[in-house]
Amino acid sequence: MTEQKFLPFALPDIGEEEINEVVDALRSGWVTTGPKTKQFEADFAHFLGGGVEAIAVNSATAGLHLALEAVGIGPGDEVIVPSYTFTATAEVVRYLGAHPVVVDVDPVTLNISPAAIRAALTDKTKAIMPVHFAGLACDMDAILAIAREHKLKVIEDAAHALPTTYQGQLIGTLGSDATVFSFYANKTMTTGEGGMVVSKDKDLIARCKVMRLHGISRDAFDRYVSKTPAWFYEVVAPGFKYNMPDIAAAMGLHQLKKIGRFHQQREAMAARYDRELAGLPLILPARPALATDQHAWHLYPVRLQPEAGVSRDDFIVRMAEKGIGCSVHFIPLHRHPVWRDGYQLKNADFPVADAAFEAEVTLPLYTRMTDADQTRVIAAVREILGA
């Protein structure tokens, strides 16, 4: 028998269309922010609808930073974030001299708990940053109600959430101040590295656009393609270097066209996992509260129950021995030294996130997986759990 190839946790799904578009960008002479980035922004805003505008950036982390800066977050302010997220959600708050206030999550969805948000409010609270974990929408009605009641800003971390819907609306078109998407290599669509800030607030978008490129008052692309002398510009703020290059946007143009097919494949794979892992000592991922809503299925996170008879760490090792890569989402913020020690966070203060972390393992789910690949994963899980 020949040894089976190793099945990684994730792989990007890049076709000839993306490759040809990148080559076109290289040949055009516009390799930094230019016409392809502008087109990608327009296409993305059109895809979401709802009157949003879109600003392409070089990472979702950059986008979150820009959005927080644009709504006025500054030194001494407090921004409420969930513990069950990647460190970027909290670190961008610190970039601005503000403080992330870390709270626990809902035991079913692992999304930020509205009750925990309310309990964490102080007179210094200025914003809430909900994270749509794994691609399942947060309880945005409850979160937006808290924000309205206390005059808080809401910046959605939608790194996992394309094309997630909430009560029939795409994430990115709700009543928050801004939403930020990620196009990192393992996301539901990719530009290699990249992100997008979307908002209905024209002033917020204008501020992000200026701050995205050194605080310069005029768009570099417009200056360079002008047929008349247009060299003059002014720096109006100490900005950042967060622009998306055309090489990345070239990929995004075609990835966005495929997002419908990508989602159908992810939905089908998640449904198969649900069917064939049912009855095992696992907590399977939560589904949307409304059956008609979409989960983006960026991740398929399961939680081992005590009767599984195997620890999470041993489970991952045994899957690797069978040639299958898994991951963990997430090591919560309160477990990392920078947040734990800097803000005196204790495991006991985050019982839901802490228990989830101890039990969670993310199974492979990506559009380049074949039926046979998924069969291997399911068989391996069932064997390890004695089914």
Protein backbone atom coordinates (compact mmCIF):
# COMPACT_ATOMS: atom_id res chain seq x y z
CA MET A 1 0.00 0.00 0.00
CA THR A 2 1.17 3.51 -0.76
CA GLU A 3 1.17 5.99 2.09
CA GLN A 4 -1.58 8.60 1.81
CA LYS A 5 -0.56 12.22 1.35
CA PHE A 6 -0.76 14.52 4.35
CA LEU A 7 -4.04 16.39 4.42
CA PRO A 8 -3.39 19.93 5.70
CA PHE A 9 -5.73 21.93 7.88
CA ALA A 10 -6.32 24.52 5.12
CA LEU A 11 -5.29 25.43 1.59
CA PRO A 12 -6.21 28.41 -0.60
CA ASP A 13 -8.25 27.73 -3.75
CA ILE A 14 -6.55 29.75 -6.51
CA GLY A 15 -7.32 29.26 -10.21
CA GLU A 16 -5.90 30.34 -13.52
CA GLU A 17 -8.14 33.42 -13.50
CA GLU A 18 -6.38 34.80 -10.43
CA ILE A 19 -2.96 33.91 -11.80
CA ASN A 20 -3.67 35.60 -15.13
CA GLU A 21 -5.00 38.73 -13.38
CA VAL A 22 -1.87 38.96 -11.23
CA VAL A 23 0.29 38.61 -14.34
CA ASP A 24 -1.75 41.37 -15.97
CA ALA A 25 -1.06 43.60 -12.98
CA LEU A 26 2.66 42.89 -13.21
CA ARG A 27 2.73 43.67 -16.91
CA SER A 28 0.66 46.83 -16.50
CA GLY A 29 3.26 48.58 -14.39
CA TRP A 30 0.70 49.12 -11.59
CA VAL A 31 1.81 46.74 -8.87
CA THR A 32 0.90 48.92 -5.87
CA THR A 33 -2.53 50.45 -5.17
CA GLY A 34 -4.10 51.31 -8.52
CA PRO A 35 -6.93 50.40 -10.90
CA LYS A 36 -7.36 46.80 -9.77
CA THR A 37 -7.65 47.84 -6.14
CA LYS A 38 -10.24 50.46 -7.05
CA GLN A 39 -12.20 47.87 -9.01
CA PHE A 40 -11.98 45.36 -6.17
CA GLU A 41 -13.33 47.94 -3.73
CA ALA A 42 -16.22 48.76 -6.06
CA ASP A 43 -17.01 45.09 -6.68
CA PHE A 44 -16.92 44.28 -2.97
CA ALA A 45 -19.24 47.16 -2.07
CA HIS A 46 -21.61 46.08 -4.84
CA PHE A 47 -21.56 42.48 -3.59
CA LEU A 48 -22.54 43.52 -0.07
CA GLY A 49 -25.06 46.17 -1.17
CA GLY A 50 -26.88 48.15 1.47
CA GLY A 51 -25.23 51.44 0.53
CA VAL A 52 -21.81 50.56 1.94
CA GLU A 53 -18.46 51.86 0.71
CA ALA A 54 -15.32 49.74 0.86
CA ILE A 55 -11.64 50.50 1.49
CA ALA A 56 -9.07 47.79 0.69
CA VAL A 57 -6.17 47.39 3.12
CA ASN A 58 -3.18 45.09 3.51
CA SER A 59 -4.69 43.12 6.41
CA ALA A 60 -7.82 42.90 8.53
CA THR A 61 -5.64 43.96 11.46
CA ALA A 62 -4.87 47.19 9.61
CA GLY A 63 -8.55 47.61 8.85
CA LEU A 64 -9.58 47.25 12.49
CA HIS A 65 -6.94 49.80 13.49
CA LEU A 66 -8.15 52.27 10.87
CA ALA A 67 -11.79 51.82 11.84
CA LEU A 68 -11.13 52.36 15.54
CA GLU A 69 -9.03 55.44 14.79
CA ALA A 70 -11.73 56.80 12.50
CA VAL A 71 -14.43 56.60 15.20
CA GLY A 72 -12.20 58.47 17.62
CA ILE A 73 -10.87 55.78 19.95
CA GLY A 74 -7.88 57.15 21.84
CA PRO A 75 -5.79 57.01 25.01
CA GLY A 76 -7.63 55.83 28.10
CA ASP A 77 -10.75 54.67 26.25
CA GLU A 78 -12.07 51.16 26.80
CA VAL A 79 -13.14 48.81 24.00
CA ILE A 80 -14.97 45.58 24.87
CA VAL A 81 -13.66 42.47 23.07
CA PRO A 82 -14.24 38.73 23.48
CA SER A 83 -11.55 36.52 24.97
CA TYR A 84 -12.27 33.86 22.36
CA THR A 85 -10.53 35.54 19.42
CA PHE A 86 -7.15 36.05 17.78
CA THR A 87 -4.86 38.60 19.41
CA ALA A 88 -5.33 41.13 16.58
CA THR A 89 -8.78 42.02 17.93
CA ALA A 90 -7.23 43.31 21.16
CA GLU A 91 -3.88 44.56 19.90
CA VAL A 92 -5.37 47.18 17.60
CA VAL A 93 -7.02 48.76 20.65
CA ARG A 94 -3.61 49.13 22.27
CA TYR A 95 -2.19 50.70 19.10
CA LEU A 96 -4.35 53.72 19.94
CA GLY A 97 -3.46 53.86 23.62
CA ALA A 98 -6.88 52.52 24.56
CA HIS A 99 -7.58 49.44 26.67
CA PRO A 100 -9.21 46.19 25.57
CA VAL A 101 -11.74 45.03 28.15
CA VAL A 102 -11.85 41.27 27.70
CA VAL A 103 -15.14 39.44 28.33
CA ASP A 104 -16.45 35.89 28.13
CA VAL A 105 -18.47 34.30 25.34
CA ASP A 106 -21.76 32.48 24.86
CA PRO A 107 -21.49 28.74 25.67
CA VAL A 108 -23.38 27.67 22.54
CA THR A 109 -22.04 29.96 19.82
CA LEU A 110 -18.68 31.00 21.37
CA ASN A 111 -19.51 34.51 20.19
CA ILE A 112 -19.26 37.47 22.56
CA SER A 113 -21.90 37.38 25.29
CA PRO A 114 -24.24 40.41 25.37
CA ALA A 115 -24.69 39.85 29.13
CA ALA A 116 -20.91 39.96 29.58
CA ILE A 117 -20.78 43.18 27.56
CA ARG A 118 -23.33 44.82 29.86
CA ALA A 119 -21.44 43.69 32.95
CA ALA A 120 -18.21 45.24 31.63
CA LEU A 121 -19.56 48.71 30.83
CA THR A 122 -17.93 51.69 32.55
CA ASP A 123 -17.91 55.40 31.93
CA LYS A 124 -14.74 54.84 29.89
CA THR A 125 -16.33 52.35 27.50
CA LYS A 126 -16.37 53.79 23.99
CA ALA A 127 -16.80 50.82 21.65
CA ILE A 128 -17.67 47.14 21.27
CA MET A 129 -15.84 44.81 18.88
CA PRO A 130 -17.91 41.66 18.26
CA VAL A 131 -16.15 38.78 16.49
CA HIS A 132 -18.25 36.47 14.33
CA PHE A 133 -16.49 33.29 15.42
CA ALA A 134 -15.94 30.62 12.73
CA GLY A 135 -18.40 32.43 10.45
CA LEU A 136 -21.50 32.43 12.68
CA ALA A 137 -23.07 35.84 13.25
CA CYS A 138 -23.10 37.32 16.75
CA ASP A 139 -26.36 38.40 18.38
CA MET A 140 -26.17 41.75 16.65
CA ASP A 141 -29.61 42.97 17.73
CA ALA A 142 -28.60 42.71 21.38
CA ILE A 143 -25.16 44.23 20.76
CA LEU A 144 -26.49 47.15 18.73
CA ALA A 145 -29.17 47.79 21.35
CA ILE A 146 -26.49 48.08 24.04
CA ALA A 147 -24.50 50.39 21.79
CA ARG A 148 -27.46 52.67 21.13
CA GLU A 149 -28.40 52.76 24.80
CA HIS A 150 -24.90 53.77 25.90
CA LYS A 151 -23.85 55.75 22.80
CA LEU A 152 -21.06 53.33 21.91
CA LYS A 153 -19.37 52.62 18.59
CA VAL A 154 -19.53 49.13 17.10
CA ILE A 155 -16.72 47.79 14.91
CA GLU A 156 -17.42 44.25 13.70
CA ASP A 157 -14.45 41.91 13.38
CA ALA A 158 -15.75 39.92 10.42
CA ALA A 159 -12.48 38.15 9.62
CA HIS A 160 -14.41 34.85 9.51
CA ALA A 161 -17.73 36.15 8.24
CA LEU A 162 -17.92 36.30 4.44
CA PRO A 163 -20.65 35.65 3.32
CA THR A 164 -22.39 35.34 6.71
CA THR A 165 -25.93 36.67 7.05
CA TYR A 166 -27.83 37.87 10.10
CA GLN A 167 -31.63 37.99 9.85
CA GLY A 168 -31.31 37.93 6.08
CA GLN A 169 -28.71 40.70 5.77
CA LEU A 170 -25.08 40.17 4.87
CA ILE A 171 -22.62 40.97 7.64
CA GLY A 172 -21.20 44.33 6.64
CA THR A 173 -24.60 45.89 5.98
CA LEU A 174 -25.99 46.05 9.52
CA GLY A 175 -26.21 49.05 11.84
CA SER A 176 -22.64 49.03 13.12
CA ASP A 177 -20.18 51.85 12.44
CA ALA A 178 -17.81 49.69 10.39
CA THR A 179 -17.12 46.06 9.54
CA VAL A 180 -13.72 44.60 8.70
CA PHE A 181 -13.14 41.47 6.61
CA SER A 182 -9.99 39.37 6.19
CA PHE A 183 -8.57 37.87 3.00
CA TYR A 184 -5.73 35.96 4.66
CA ALA A 185 -4.63 32.74 2.97
CA ASN A 186 -6.99 30.40 4.87
CA LYS A 187 -10.12 32.59 4.78
CA THR A 188 -13.27 31.98 2.73
CA MET A 189 -11.65 34.02 -0.06
CA THR A 190 -8.07 35.24 -0.25
CA THR A 191 -5.79 37.93 -1.63
CA GLY A 192 -2.79 36.27 0.05
CA GLU A 193 -2.72 39.05 2.64
CA GLY A 194 -5.40 41.70 2.79
CA GLY A 195 -8.61 43.01 4.24
CA MET A 196 -11.52 45.35 3.61
CA VAL A 197 -13.14 48.07 5.73
CA VAL A 198 -16.79 48.65 4.89
CA SER A 199 -19.15 51.29 6.24
CA LYS A 200 -22.19 53.38 5.35
CA ASP A 201 -20.54 56.35 7.06
CA LYS A 202 -18.91 58.45 4.34
CA ASP A 203 -16.87 60.46 6.85
CA LEU A 204 -15.48 57.28 8.39
CA ILE A 205 -14.55 55.93 4.96
CA ALA A 206 -12.90 59.23 4.04
CA ARG A 207 -10.84 59.18 7.23
CA CYS A 208 -9.78 55.57 6.65
CA LYS A 209 -8.78 56.43 3.09
CA VAL A 210 -6.51 59.27 4.24
CA MET A 211 -5.00 57.32 7.13
CA ARG A 212 -4.47 54.21 4.99
CA LEU A 213 -1.58 55.92 3.17
CA HIS A 214 0.49 58.18 5.43
CA GLY A 215 -2.27 60.73 6.03
CA ILE A 216 -1.82 62.12 2.52
CA SER A 217 -4.63 64.37 1.34
CA ARG A 218 -4.65 63.14 -2.28
CA ASP A 219 -4.90 59.65 -3.69
CA ALA A 220 -1.50 58.59 -5.08
CA PHE A 221 -3.10 56.76 -8.00
CA ASP A 222 -5.04 59.87 -9.03
CA ARG A 223 -1.86 61.95 -8.86
CA TYR A 224 0.19 59.54 -10.94
CA VAL A 225 -2.35 59.05 -13.73
CA SER A 226 -3.19 62.75 -14.04
CA LYS A 227 -2.50 64.15 -17.51
CA THR A 228 -1.57 67.53 -16.00
CA PRO A 229 1.00 68.31 -13.29
CA ALA A 230 -0.42 66.92 -10.04
CA TRP A 231 2.60 66.47 -7.85
CA PHE A 232 1.37 68.58 -4.93
CA TYR A 233 -0.14 66.95 -1.86
CA GLU A 234 -0.40 67.62 1.85
CA VAL A 235 0.04 65.33 4.84
CA VAL A 236 -2.94 66.12 7.04
CA ALA A 237 -2.46 63.48 9.75
CA PRO A 238 0.22 61.05 10.97
CA GLY A 239 -1.12 58.13 8.97
CA PHE A 240 -0.12 54.53 8.36
CA LYS A 241 1.09 52.34 5.48
CA TYR A 242 -1.92 50.07 5.10
CA ASN A 243 -2.79 50.16 1.39
CA MET A 244 -3.54 47.02 -0.61
CA PRO A 245 -1.37 46.55 -3.71
CA ASP A 246 -2.89 45.76 -7.10
CA ILE A 247 -1.11 42.38 -7.12
CA ALA A 248 -3.26 41.33 -4.15
CA ALA A 249 -6.43 43.00 -5.43
CA ALA A 250 -6.01 41.15 -8.73
CA MET A 251 -6.56 37.88 -6.85
CA GLY A 252 -9.51 39.37 -4.99
CA LEU A 253 -11.35 40.30 -8.18
CA HIS A 254 -11.76 36.65 -9.10
CA GLN A 255 -11.99 35.19 -5.61
CA LEU A 256 -15.01 37.43 -5.00
CA LYS A 257 -16.68 36.11 -8.16
CA LYS A 258 -16.29 32.58 -6.76
CA ILE A 259 -17.52 33.30 -3.24
CA GLY A 260 -20.98 31.86 -3.97
CA ARG A 261 -19.54 28.56 -5.15
CA PHE A 262 -17.00 28.51 -2.34
CA HIS A 263 -19.79 28.98 0.19
CA GLN A 264 -21.94 26.24 -1.30
CA GLN A 265 -19.00 23.82 -1.01
CA ARG A 266 -18.27 24.83 2.58
CA GLU A 267 -21.95 24.53 3.53
CA ALA A 268 -22.13 21.05 1.99
CA MET A 269 -18.99 19.89 3.79
CA ALA A 270 -20.24 21.27 7.11
CA ALA A 271 -23.57 19.51 6.62
CA ARG A 272 -21.75 16.24 5.93
CA TYR A 273 -19.64 16.63 9.06
CA ASP A 274 -22.83 17.32 11.02
CA ARG A 275 -24.46 14.13 9.71
CA GLU A 276 -21.54 11.77 10.03
CA LEU A 277 -20.17 13.01 13.35
CA ALA A 278 -23.58 13.09 15.04
CA GLY A 279 -23.81 10.87 18.09
CA LEU A 280 -20.11 11.04 18.86
CA PRO A 281 -18.85 12.56 22.15
CA LEU A 282 -18.43 15.94 20.46
CA ILE A 283 -20.12 19.31 20.66
CA LEU A 284 -20.63 20.23 17.03
CA PRO A 285 -20.64 23.85 15.82
CA ALA A 286 -23.72 25.94 16.43
CA ARG A 287 -25.99 26.77 13.53
CA PRO A 288 -27.61 30.18 12.90
CA ALA A 289 -30.65 31.00 15.04
CA LEU A 290 -32.65 31.44 11.83
CA ALA A 291 -32.55 28.44 9.52
CA THR A 292 -32.60 30.80 6.54
CA ASP A 293 -29.39 32.59 7.62
CA GLN A 294 -25.94 31.70 6.31
CA HIS A 295 -22.97 30.52 8.34
CA ALA A 296 -19.78 31.27 6.38
CA TRP A 297 -18.10 28.05 7.62
CA HIS A 298 -14.64 29.54 7.67
CA LEU A 299 -13.96 26.97 10.39
CA TYR A 300 -15.50 23.72 11.59
CA PRO A 301 -14.71 23.73 15.33
CA VAL A 302 -15.72 20.76 17.48
CA ARG A 303 -15.37 20.32 21.24
CA LEU A 304 -14.41 16.98 22.76
CA GLN A 305 -16.68 15.94 25.62
CA PRO A 306 -15.30 14.20 28.73
CA GLU A 307 -16.64 10.81 27.64
CA ALA A 308 -14.48 11.01 24.49
CA GLY A 309 -11.72 9.42 26.57
CA VAL A 310 -9.00 11.44 24.84
CA SER A 311 -7.61 14.88 25.52
CA ARG A 312 -7.70 17.57 22.87
CA ASP A 313 -3.90 17.56 22.55
CA ASP A 314 -3.73 13.77 22.19
CA PHE A 315 -6.56 13.86 19.66
CA ILE A 316 -4.61 16.28 17.45
CA VAL A 317 -1.47 14.15 17.73
CA ARG A 318 -3.41 11.02 16.73
CA MET A 319 -4.99 12.82 13.78
CA ALA A 320 -1.52 13.94 12.64
CA GLU A 321 -0.33 10.33 12.89
CA LYS A 322 -3.10 9.49 10.43
CA GLY A 323 -1.84 12.20 8.08
CA ILE A 324 -4.48 14.81 8.90
CA GLY A 325 -3.77 18.35 10.06
CA CYS A 326 -5.99 20.02 12.65
CA SER A 327 -5.78 23.30 14.51
CA VAL A 328 -7.10 25.05 17.63
CA HIS A 329 -9.31 28.16 17.54
CA PHE A 330 -8.47 29.88 19.75
CA ILE A 331 -5.98 30.09 22.55
CA PRO A 332 -8.10 32.76 24.27
CA LEU A 333 -6.73 36.19 25.06
CA HIS A 334 -6.72 35.61 28.81
CA ARG A 335 -4.23 32.74 28.30
CA HIS A 336 -1.61 34.88 26.53
CA PRO A 337 1.04 36.56 28.71
CA VAL A 338 0.65 40.00 27.15
CA TRP A 339 -3.06 40.21 28.03
CA ARG A 340 -3.06 37.91 31.07
CA ASP A 341 -0.25 39.77 32.84
CA GLY A 342 -0.94 43.24 31.47
CA TYR A 343 -4.59 43.21 32.57
CA GLN A 344 -4.46 40.68 35.43
CA LEU A 345 -6.78 38.27 33.64
CA LYS A 346 -7.58 34.97 35.36
CA ASN A 347 -8.83 31.76 33.79
CA ALA A 348 -11.65 31.57 36.32
CA ASP A 349 -13.05 34.87 35.07
CA PHE A 350 -13.65 33.36 31.62
CA PRO A 351 -15.21 29.96 32.36
CA VAL A 352 -16.85 29.48 28.96
CA ALA A 353 -13.87 30.53 26.83
CA ASP A 354 -11.48 28.61 29.05
CA ALA A 355 -13.46 25.36 28.90
CA ALA A 356 -13.94 25.74 25.15
CA PHE A 357 -10.21 26.16 24.62
CA GLU A 358 -9.41 23.00 26.59
CA ALA A 359 -11.78 20.95 24.43
CA GLU A 360 -11.71 22.60 20.99
CA VAL A 361 -10.18 21.21 17.82
CA THR A 362 -10.77 22.55 14.31
CA LEU A 363 -11.18 19.94 11.59
CA PRO A 364 -10.06 20.56 7.99
CA LEU A 365 -12.68 22.33 5.89
CA TYR A 366 -11.70 24.08 2.66
CA THR A 367 -12.85 24.09 -0.93
CA ARG A 368 -9.93 22.09 -2.33
CA MET A 369 -10.89 19.14 -0.13
CA THR A 370 -12.36 16.22 -2.06
CA ASP A 371 -15.10 13.89 -0.90
CA ALA A 372 -12.38 11.29 -0.35
CA ASP A 373 -10.41 13.76 1.78
CA GLN A 374 -13.42 14.40 3.97
CA THR A 375 -14.11 10.68 4.21
CA ARG A 376 -10.59 10.25 5.59
CA VAL A 377 -11.16 12.94 8.22
CA ILE A 378 -14.49 11.46 9.31
CA ALA A 379 -13.09 7.93 9.48
CA ALA A 380 -10.12 9.07 11.52
CA VAL A 381 -12.32 10.98 14.00
CA ARG A 382 -14.64 8.00 14.42
CA GLU A 383 -11.74 5.60 14.91
CA ILE A 384 -10.03 7.77 17.53
CA LEU A 385 -13.33 8.16 19.40
CA GLY A 386 -14.02 4.43 19.23
CA ALA A 387 -17.07 4.69 17.01
